[in-house]
Amino acid sequence: MGVGERELKSGKNRSDVAIGATVDIVLKKDQPTGRLTRGRVARLLTNSSTHPHGIKVMLDDGQVGRVQAIIE
């Protein structure tokens, strides 16, 4: 990793996803295309500690999807 680069976490571990974090999620309707939506986490909806497709969250604007990357 070079100077100024940060490793993005995948979002498959619940412990890595925090309320208020900025994340990229894939919405259910966007799963075929993989289109990502960025937002801030309002609620964690997945109860298990890990999920192979990403932890399901609700963003502060009400959209629900699975975390693909944790930005900050």
Protein backbone atom coordinates (compact mmCIF):
# COMPACT_ATOMS: atom_id res chain seq x y z
CA MET A 1 0.00 0.00 0.00
CA GLY A 2 1.35 3.42 -0.94
CA VAL A 3 1.28 6.68 0.97
CA GLY A 4 -2.27 7.96 1.45
CA GLU A 5 -3.89 4.65 0.48
CA ARG A 6 -6.19 2.89 2.92
CA GLU A 7 -7.34 -0.68 2.78
CA LEU A 8 -11.11 -0.89 2.33
CA LYS A 9 -12.87 -3.41 4.54
CA SER A 10 -15.25 -5.73 2.74
CA GLY A 11 -18.33 -5.40 4.96
CA LYS A 12 -18.74 -9.14 5.50
CA ASN A 13 -17.94 -8.91 9.23
CA ARG A 14 -20.56 -7.26 11.45
CA SER A 15 -17.84 -6.05 13.85
CA ASP A 16 -16.33 -3.90 11.03
CA VAL A 17 -19.60 -2.07 10.26
CA ALA A 18 -20.43 0.79 12.64
CA ILE A 19 -23.47 3.05 12.95
CA GLY A 20 -22.59 6.33 11.23
CA ALA A 21 -19.93 4.78 8.99
CA THR A 22 -19.86 5.69 5.31
CA VAL A 23 -20.33 2.56 3.21
CA ASP A 24 -21.03 1.40 -0.33
CA ILE A 25 -24.00 -0.98 -0.49
CA VAL A 26 -25.69 -2.92 -3.25
CA LEU A 27 -29.47 -2.55 -3.22
CA LYS A 28 -31.64 -5.61 -3.93
CA LYS A 29 -32.75 -4.13 -7.27
CA ASP A 30 -29.11 -3.49 -8.23
CA GLN A 31 -27.78 -6.98 -7.45
CA PRO A 32 -27.80 -8.09 -11.12
CA THR A 33 -25.68 -5.08 -12.18
CA GLY A 34 -23.64 -4.63 -8.99
CA ARG A 35 -24.35 -0.89 -8.94
CA LEU A 36 -23.26 0.62 -5.62
CA THR A 37 -25.00 3.22 -3.49
CA ARG A 38 -23.04 5.27 -0.94
CA GLY A 39 -24.46 6.42 2.36
CA ARG A 40 -24.19 6.45 6.15
CA VAL A 41 -25.28 3.46 8.23
CA ALA A 42 -28.35 4.10 10.41
CA ARG A 43 -29.09 0.48 11.47
CA LEU A 44 -27.48 -2.94 11.24
CA LEU A 45 -30.07 -5.46 10.04
CA THR A 46 -27.96 -8.65 9.96
CA ASN A 47 -27.76 -10.31 13.38
CA SER A 48 -25.07 -12.89 12.60
CA SER A 49 -21.40 -11.96 13.02
CA THR A 50 -20.60 -12.59 9.34
CA HIS A 51 -22.46 -12.91 6.05
CA PRO A 52 -20.92 -14.08 2.75
CA HIS A 53 -22.75 -11.43 0.68
CA GLY A 54 -22.19 -8.55 3.11
CA ILE A 55 -23.88 -7.28 6.26
CA LYS A 56 -27.37 -5.92 5.56
CA VAL A 57 -27.82 -2.32 6.71
CA MET A 58 -30.28 0.54 6.50
CA LEU A 59 -28.82 3.85 5.45
CA ASP A 60 -29.87 7.15 7.04
CA ASP A 61 -32.07 7.83 3.98
CA GLY A 62 -33.96 4.53 4.50
CA GLN A 63 -32.39 2.50 1.69
CA VAL A 64 -31.54 -1.12 2.57
CA GLY A 65 -28.75 -3.18 1.08
CA ARG A 66 -25.65 -5.28 1.74
CA VAL A 67 -22.33 -3.63 2.52
CA GLN A 68 -19.74 -4.11 -0.22
CA ALA A 69 -17.10 -1.69 1.12
CA ILE A 70 -16.56 0.41 4.22
CA ILE A 71 -15.26 3.84 3.26
CA GLU A 72 -14.70 5.37 6.72
